[in-house]
Structures are given as structure tokens and as C-alpha cells.
Amino acid sequence: MRIILGMPKEIESVEWNEKGKKWVTKKIQIEEYHGFTECRYCQKPMSHNVKTNGEFKVIYTKCGCSKSN
């Protein structure tokens, strides 16, 4: 896990929608930022450790080697 300088205010997360059988992105407002884990292939952030809505969570994002259609 790495810690970066300057806390992001929001992160675009990606979640699996089981009903629609597709990936859905949404913006998450960040209260506290506690670092990220990078993709082993492209070394870009893949998950972020944050506090949002009073809860500590792991937020997943699209890494640099994911392809969009």
C-alpha cells in the first residue's frame, strides 16, 4: 500500500451490478484518505482505503490496464 500527498475529495469507484450483469461507476465523496494499492501489472491505483459516510471502506477503481469499450 502507498500513501500519497494531498487527499482526494472524491474517487470514481467501480462496482459490479449483479442484477444488470455489468460494471457501474459512481463518485464517492471522501472524508479521510488512507492510501492505495497498485495494480501489479501497470502500477496504477486499483483500490483505495478511505473513510466515507462515517465508515472505513476499500473503494475499487479501474486501473491503468483496464480497457473501456
PDB file of N, CA and C in Angstrom:
ATOM      1  N   MET A   1       0.844  -1.168   0.000  1.00  0.00           N
ATOM      2  CA  MET A   1       0.000   0.000   0.000  1.00  0.00           C
ATOM      3  C   MET A   1       0.892   1.234   0.000  1.00  0.00           C
ATOM      4  N   ARG A   2       0.473   2.230  -0.755  1.00  0.00           N
ATOM      5  CA  ARG A   2       1.188   3.503  -0.793  1.00  0.00           C
ATOM      6  C   ARG A   2       0.312   4.608  -0.240  1.00  0.00           C
ATOM      7  N   ILE A   3       0.948   5.615   0.319  1.00  0.00           N
ATOM      8  CA  ILE A   3       0.235   6.800   0.795  1.00  0.00           C
ATOM      9  C   ILE A   3       0.672   7.961  -0.071  1.00  0.00           C
ATOM     10  N   ILE A   4      -0.297   8.742  -0.554  1.00  0.00           N
ATOM     11  CA  ILE A   4       0.041   9.863  -1.415  1.00  0.00           C
ATOM     12  C   ILE A   4      -0.184  11.174  -0.679  1.00  0.00           C
ATOM     13  N   LEU A   5       0.516  12.194  -1.114  1.00  0.00           N
ATOM     14  CA  LEU A   5       0.341  13.514  -0.534  1.00  0.00           C
ATOM     15  C   LEU A   5      -0.913  14.137  -1.114  1.00  0.00           C
ATOM     16  N   GLY A   6      -1.632  14.891  -0.336  1.00  0.00           N
ATOM     17  CA  GLY A   6      -2.839  15.540  -0.819  1.00  0.00           C
ATOM     18  C   GLY A   6      -3.998  14.564  -0.920  1.00  0.00           C
ATOM     19  N   MET A   7      -4.979  14.762  -0.104  1.00  0.00           N
ATOM     20  CA  MET A   7      -6.118  13.845  -0.056  1.00  0.00           C
ATOM     21  C   MET A   7      -7.109  14.165  -1.172  1.00  0.00           C
ATOM     22  N   PRO A   8      -7.514  13.154  -1.955  1.00  0.00           N
ATOM     23  CA  PRO A   8      -8.555  13.403  -2.954  1.00  0.00           C
ATOM     24  C   PRO A   8      -9.896  13.667  -2.272  1.00  0.00           C
ATOM     25  N   LYS A   9     -10.719  14.507  -2.870  1.00  0.00           N
ATOM     26  CA  LYS A   9     -12.030  14.822  -2.304  1.00  0.00           C
ATOM     27  C   LYS A   9     -13.093  13.840  -2.762  1.00  0.00           C
ATOM     28  N   GLU A  10     -12.890  13.243  -3.948  1.00  0.00           N
ATOM     29  CA  GLU A  10     -13.797  12.211  -4.429  1.00  0.00           C
ATOM     30  C   GLU A  10     -13.050  11.252  -5.349  1.00  0.00           C
ATOM     31  N   ILE A  11     -13.584  10.033  -5.436  1.00  0.00           N
ATOM     32  CA  ILE A  11     -12.985   8.989  -6.265  1.00  0.00           C
ATOM     33  C   ILE A  11     -14.105   8.350  -7.069  1.00  0.00           C
ATOM     34  N   GLU A  12     -13.837   8.065  -8.334  1.00  0.00           N
ATOM     35  CA  GLU A  12     -14.810   7.364  -9.162  1.00  0.00           C
ATOM     36  C   GLU A  12     -14.614   5.867  -8.936  1.00  0.00           C
ATOM     37  N   SER A  13     -15.563   5.250  -8.241  1.00  0.00           N
ATOM     38  CA  SER A  13     -15.444   3.828  -7.914  1.00  0.00           C
ATOM     39  C   SER A  13     -16.153   2.992  -8.968  1.00  0.00           C
ATOM     40  N   VAL A  14     -15.816   1.720  -8.997  1.00  0.00           N
ATOM     41  CA  VAL A  14     -16.464   0.778  -9.908  1.00  0.00           C
ATOM     42  C   VAL A  14     -16.990  -0.394  -9.077  1.00  0.00           C
ATOM     43  N   GLU A  15     -18.249  -0.757  -9.301  1.00  0.00           N
ATOM     44  CA  GLU A  15     -18.890  -1.852  -8.566  1.00  0.00           C
ATOM     45  C   GLU A  15     -19.634  -2.742  -9.552  1.00  0.00           C
ATOM     46  N   TRP A  16     -19.729  -4.038  -9.240  1.00  0.00           N
ATOM     47  CA  TRP A  16     -20.453  -4.985 -10.069  1.00  0.00           C
ATOM     48  C   TRP A  16     -21.938  -4.935  -9.724  1.00  0.00           C
ATOM     49  N   ASN A  17     -22.785  -4.733 -10.728  1.00  0.00           N
ATOM     50  CA  ASN A  17     -24.233  -4.748 -10.563  1.00  0.00           C
ATOM     51  C   ASN A  17     -24.716  -6.139 -10.946  1.00  0.00           C
ATOM     52  N   GLU A  18     -25.061  -6.942  -9.956  1.00  0.00           N
ATOM     53  CA  GLU A  18     -25.470  -8.330 -10.200  1.00  0.00           C
ATOM     54  C   GLU A  18     -26.754  -8.403 -11.021  1.00  0.00           C
ATOM     55  N   LYS A  19     -27.691  -7.512 -10.756  1.00  0.00           N
ATOM     56  CA  LYS A  19     -28.970  -7.527 -11.476  1.00  0.00           C
ATOM     57  C   LYS A  19     -28.781  -7.192 -12.959  1.00  0.00           C
ATOM     58  N   GLY A  20     -27.991  -6.154 -13.235  1.00  0.00           N
ATOM     59  CA  GLY A  20     -27.765  -5.749 -14.622  1.00  0.00           C
ATOM     60  C   GLY A  20     -26.607  -6.473 -15.296  1.00  0.00           C
ATOM     61  N   LYS A  21     -25.859  -7.264 -14.506  1.00  0.00           N
ATOM     62  CA  LYS A  21     -24.693  -8.009 -15.013  1.00  0.00           C
ATOM     63  C   LYS A  21     -23.705  -7.097 -15.736  1.00  0.00           C
ATOM     64  N   LYS A  22     -23.367  -5.971 -15.088  1.00  0.00           N
ATOM     65  CA  LYS A  22     -22.404  -5.036 -15.676  1.00  0.00           C
ATOM     66  C   LYS A  22     -21.715  -4.234 -14.572  1.00  0.00           C
ATOM     67  N   TRP A  23     -20.599  -3.616 -14.935  1.00  0.00           N
ATOM     68  CA  TRP A  23     -19.869  -2.756 -14.013  1.00  0.00           C
ATOM     69  C   TRP A  23     -20.501  -1.374 -14.025  1.00  0.00           C
ATOM     70  N   VAL A  24     -20.669  -0.785 -12.838  1.00  0.00           N
ATOM     71  CA  VAL A  24     -21.267   0.536 -12.686  1.00  0.00           C
ATOM     72  C   VAL A  24     -20.270   1.430 -11.962  1.00  0.00           C
ATOM     73  N   THR A  25     -20.088   2.644 -12.465  1.00  0.00           N
ATOM     74  CA  THR A  25     -19.200   3.599 -11.795  1.00  0.00           C
ATOM     75  C   THR A  25     -20.032   4.651 -11.075  1.00  0.00           C
ATOM     76  N   LYS A  26     -19.504   5.116  -9.947  1.00  0.00           N
ATOM     77  CA  LYS A  26     -20.145   6.215  -9.231  1.00  0.00           C
ATOM     78  C   LYS A  26     -19.087   6.980  -8.456  1.00  0.00           C
ATOM     79  N   LYS A  27     -19.357   8.261  -8.239  1.00  0.00           N
ATOM     80  CA  LYS A  27     -18.434   9.130  -7.499  1.00  0.00           C
ATOM     81  C   LYS A  27     -18.684   8.957  -6.007  1.00  0.00           C
ATOM     82  N   ILE A  28     -17.596   8.751  -5.257  1.00  0.00           N
ATOM     83  CA  ILE A  28     -17.642   8.583  -3.805  1.00  0.00           C
ATOM     84  C   ILE A  28     -16.973   9.796  -3.162  1.00  0.00           C
ATOM     85  N   GLN A  29     -17.676  10.463  -2.253  1.00  0.00           N
ATOM     86  CA  GLN A  29     -17.107  11.591  -1.513  1.00  0.00           C
ATOM     87  C   GLN A  29     -16.218  11.045  -0.401  1.00  0.00           C
ATOM     88  N   ILE A  30     -15.013  11.580  -0.269  1.00  0.00           N
ATOM     89  CA  ILE A  30     -14.008  11.083   0.671  1.00  0.00           C
ATOM     90  C   ILE A  30     -13.905  11.999   1.890  1.00  0.00           C
ATOM     91  N   GLU A  31     -14.012  11.415   3.090  1.00  0.00           N
ATOM     92  CA  GLU A  31     -13.801  12.156   4.339  1.00  0.00           C
ATOM     93  C   GLU A  31     -12.336  12.066   4.759  1.00  0.00           C
ATOM     94  N   GLU A  32     -11.785  10.843   4.729  1.00  0.00           N
ATOM     95  CA  GLU A  32     -10.378  10.595   5.067  1.00  0.00           C
ATOM     96  C   GLU A  32      -9.796   9.650   4.034  1.00  0.00           C
ATOM     97  N   TYR A  33      -8.543   9.872   3.691  1.00  0.00           N
ATOM     98  CA  TYR A  33      -7.865   9.027   2.705  1.00  0.00           C
ATOM     99  C   TYR A  33      -6.682   8.353   3.383  1.00  0.00           C
ATOM    100  N   HIS A  34      -6.567   7.027   3.218  1.00  0.00           N
ATOM    101  CA  HIS A  34      -5.522   6.265   3.902  1.00  0.00           C
ATOM    102  C   HIS A  34      -4.635   5.470   2.954  1.00  0.00           C
ATOM    103  N   GLY A  35      -4.516   5.895   1.700  1.00  0.00           N
ATOM    104  CA  GLY A  35      -3.599   5.253   0.767  1.00  0.00           C
ATOM    105  C   GLY A  35      -4.284   4.359  -0.251  1.00  0.00           C
ATOM    106  N   PHE A  36      -3.467   3.747  -1.111  1.00  0.00           N
ATOM    107  CA  PHE A  36      -3.994   2.901  -2.171  1.00  0.00           C
ATOM    108  C   PHE A  36      -3.116   1.685  -2.385  1.00  0.00           C
ATOM    109  N   THR A  37      -3.669   0.709  -3.086  1.00  0.00           N
ATOM    110  CA  THR A  37      -2.933  -0.473  -3.518  1.00  0.00           C
ATOM    111  C   THR A  37      -2.847  -0.393  -5.031  1.00  0.00           C
ATOM    112  N   GLU A  38      -1.661  -0.661  -5.571  1.00  0.00           N
ATOM    113  CA  GLU A  38      -1.495  -0.533  -7.023  1.00  0.00           C
ATOM    114  C   GLU A  38      -1.608  -1.875  -7.735  1.00  0.00           C
ATOM    115  N   CYS A  39      -1.966  -1.804  -9.001  1.00  0.00           N
ATOM    116  CA  CYS A  39      -2.041  -2.984  -9.858  1.00  0.00           C
ATOM    117  C   CYS A  39      -0.626  -3.530 -10.049  1.00  0.00           C
ATOM    118  N   ARG A  40      -0.470  -4.838  -9.965  1.00  0.00           N
ATOM    119  CA  ARG A  40       0.870  -5.425 -10.097  1.00  0.00           C
ATOM    120  C   ARG A  40       1.405  -5.343 -11.530  1.00  0.00           C
ATOM    121  N   TYR A  41       0.519  -5.109 -12.498  1.00  0.00           N
ATOM    122  CA  TYR A  41       0.944  -5.065 -13.897  1.00  0.00           C
ATOM    123  C   TYR A  41       1.253  -3.647 -14.388  1.00  0.00           C
ATOM    124  N   CYS A  42       0.353  -2.689 -14.114  1.00  0.00           N
ATOM    125  CA  CYS A  42       0.546  -1.329 -14.642  1.00  0.00           C
ATOM    126  C   CYS A  42       0.987  -0.326 -13.573  1.00  0.00           C
ATOM    127  N   GLN A  43       1.029  -0.725 -12.313  1.00  0.00           N
ATOM    128  CA  GLN A  43       1.443   0.108 -11.180  1.00  0.00           C
ATOM    129  C   GLN A  43       0.577   1.361 -10.987  1.00  0.00           C
ATOM    130  N   LYS A  44      -0.664   1.325 -11.444  1.00  0.00           N
ATOM    131  CA  LYS A  44      -1.620   2.418 -11.217  1.00  0.00           C
ATOM    132  C   LYS A  44      -2.521   2.033 -10.049  1.00  0.00           C
ATOM    133  N   PRO A  45      -3.110   3.025  -9.350  1.00  0.00           N
ATOM    134  CA  PRO A  45      -4.008   2.709  -8.236  1.00  0.00           C
ATOM    135  C   PRO A  45      -5.169   1.821  -8.673  1.00  0.00           C
ATOM    136  N   MET A  46      -5.437   0.767  -7.872  1.00  0.00           N
ATOM    137  CA  MET A  46      -6.512  -0.166  -8.183  1.00  0.00           C
ATOM    138  C   MET A  46      -7.583  -0.153  -7.083  1.00  0.00           C
ATOM    139  N   SER A  47      -7.159   0.036  -5.840  1.00  0.00           N
ATOM    140  CA  SER A  47      -8.104   0.160  -4.728  1.00  0.00           C
ATOM    141  C   SER A  47      -7.590   1.240  -3.777  1.00  0.00           C
ATOM    142  N   HIS A  48      -8.540   1.884  -3.105  1.00  0.00           N
ATOM    143  CA  HIS A  48      -8.218   2.981  -2.194  1.00  0.00           C
ATOM    144  C   HIS A  48      -8.840   2.690  -0.833  1.00  0.00           C
ATOM    145  N   ASN A  49      -8.103   2.970   0.218  1.00  0.00           N
ATOM    146  CA  ASN A  49      -8.588   2.814   1.594  1.00  0.00           C
ATOM    147  C   ASN A  49      -9.068   4.180   2.066  1.00  0.00           C
ATOM    148  N   VAL A  50     -10.380   4.311   2.290  1.00  0.00           N
ATOM    149  CA  VAL A  50     -10.969   5.611   2.587  1.00  0.00           C
ATOM    150  C   VAL A  50     -11.983   5.516   3.714  1.00  0.00           C
ATOM    151  N   LYS A  51     -12.358   6.684   4.224  1.00  0.00           N
ATOM    152  CA  LYS A  51     -13.487   6.805   5.125  1.00  0.00           C
ATOM    153  C   LYS A  51     -14.525   7.646   4.399  1.00  0.00           C
ATOM    154  N   THR A  52     -15.724   7.093   4.243  1.00  0.00           N
ATOM    155  CA  THR A  52     -16.821   7.793   3.583  1.00  0.00           C
ATOM    156  C   THR A  52     -18.114   7.484   4.321  1.00  0.00           C
ATOM    157  N   ASN A  53     -18.934   8.479   4.509  1.00  0.00           N
ATOM    158  CA  ASN A  53     -20.191   8.334   5.262  1.00  0.00           C
ATOM    159  C   ASN A  53     -19.954   7.725   6.640  1.00  0.00           C
ATOM    160  N   GLY A  54     -18.851   8.091   7.278  1.00  0.00           N
ATOM    161  CA  GLY A  54     -18.543   7.610   8.623  1.00  0.00           C
ATOM    162  C   GLY A  54     -18.014   6.186   8.703  1.00  0.00           C
ATOM    163  N   GLU A  55     -17.807   5.522   7.559  1.00  0.00           N
ATOM    164  CA  GLU A  55     -17.327   4.129   7.526  1.00  0.00           C
ATOM    165  C   GLU A  55     -16.004   4.029   6.783  1.00  0.00           C
ATOM    166  N   PHE A  56     -15.128   3.139   7.263  1.00  0.00           N
ATOM    167  CA  PHE A  56     -13.901   2.837   6.534  1.00  0.00           C
ATOM    168  C   PHE A  56     -14.223   1.787   5.486  1.00  0.00           C
ATOM    169  N   LYS A  57     -13.791   2.035   4.231  1.00  0.00           N
ATOM    170  CA  LYS A  57     -14.102   1.135   3.125  1.00  0.00           C
ATOM    171  C   LYS A  57     -12.907   1.006   2.198  1.00  0.00           C
ATOM    172  N   VAL A  58     -12.930  -0.038   1.400  1.00  0.00           N
ATOM    173  CA  VAL A  58     -11.999  -0.195   0.289  1.00  0.00           C
ATOM    174  C   VAL A  58     -12.804   0.108  -0.971  1.00  0.00           C
ATOM    175  N   ILE A  59     -12.374   1.120  -1.710  1.00  0.00           N
ATOM    176  CA  ILE A  59     -13.042   1.539  -2.939  1.00  0.00           C
ATOM    177  C   ILE A  59     -12.219   1.043  -4.114  1.00  0.00           C
ATOM    178  N   TYR A  60     -12.846   0.329  -5.035  1.00  0.00           N
ATOM    179  CA  TYR A  60     -12.147  -0.186  -6.214  1.00  0.00           C
ATOM    180  C   TYR A  60     -12.347   0.755  -7.392  1.00  0.00           C
ATOM    181  N   THR A  61     -11.283   0.905  -8.185  1.00  0.00           N
ATOM    182  CA  THR A  61     -11.323   1.770  -9.361  1.00  0.00           C
ATOM    183  C   THR A  61     -10.780   1.006 -10.561  1.00  0.00           C
ATOM    184  N   LYS A  62     -10.967   1.559 -11.753  1.00  0.00           N
ATOM    185  CA  LYS A  62     -10.385   0.962 -12.942  1.00  0.00           C
ATOM    186  C   LYS A  62      -8.896   1.276 -12.917  1.00  0.00           C
ATOM    187  N   CYS A  63      -8.067   0.259 -13.069  1.00  0.00           N
ATOM    188  CA  CYS A  63      -6.625   0.504 -13.098  1.00  0.00           C
ATOM    189  C   CYS A  63      -6.217   0.905 -14.511  1.00  0.00           C
ATOM    190  N   GLY A  64      -4.962   1.218 -14.706  1.00  0.00           N
ATOM    191  CA  GLY A  64      -4.470   1.682 -15.991  1.00  0.00           C
ATOM    192  C   GLY A  64      -4.519   0.652 -17.104  1.00  0.00           C
ATOM    193  N   CYS A  65      -4.558  -0.641 -16.776  1.00  0.00           N
ATOM    194  CA  CYS A  65      -4.561  -1.648 -17.838  1.00  0.00           C
ATOM    195  C   CYS A  65      -5.975  -2.151 -18.151  1.00  0.00           C
ATOM    196  N   SER A  66      -7.002  -1.601 -17.504  1.00  0.00           N
ATOM    197  CA  SER A  66      -8.377  -1.976 -17.864  1.00  0.00           C
ATOM    198  C   SER A  66      -8.757  -1.239 -19.142  1.00  0.00           C
ATOM    199  N   LYS A  67      -9.531  -1.911 -19.984  1.00  0.00           N
ATOM    200  CA  LYS A  67      -9.912  -1.316 -21.270  1.00  0.00           C
ATOM    201  C   LYS A  67     -11.376  -0.931 -21.228  1.00  0.00           C
ATOM    202  N   SER A  68     -11.692   0.250 -21.751  1.00  0.00           N
ATOM    203  CA  SER A  68     -13.094   0.674 -21.824  1.00  0.00           C
ATOM    204  C   SER A  68     -13.565   0.534 -23.261  1.00  0.00           C
ATOM    205  N   ASN A  69     -14.819   0.167 -23.408  1.00  0.00           N
ATOM    206  CA  ASN A  69     -15.380  -0.026 -24.755  1.00  0.00           C
ATOM    207  C   ASN A  69     -16.027   1.232 -25.240  1.00  0.00           C
TER     208      ASN A  69
END
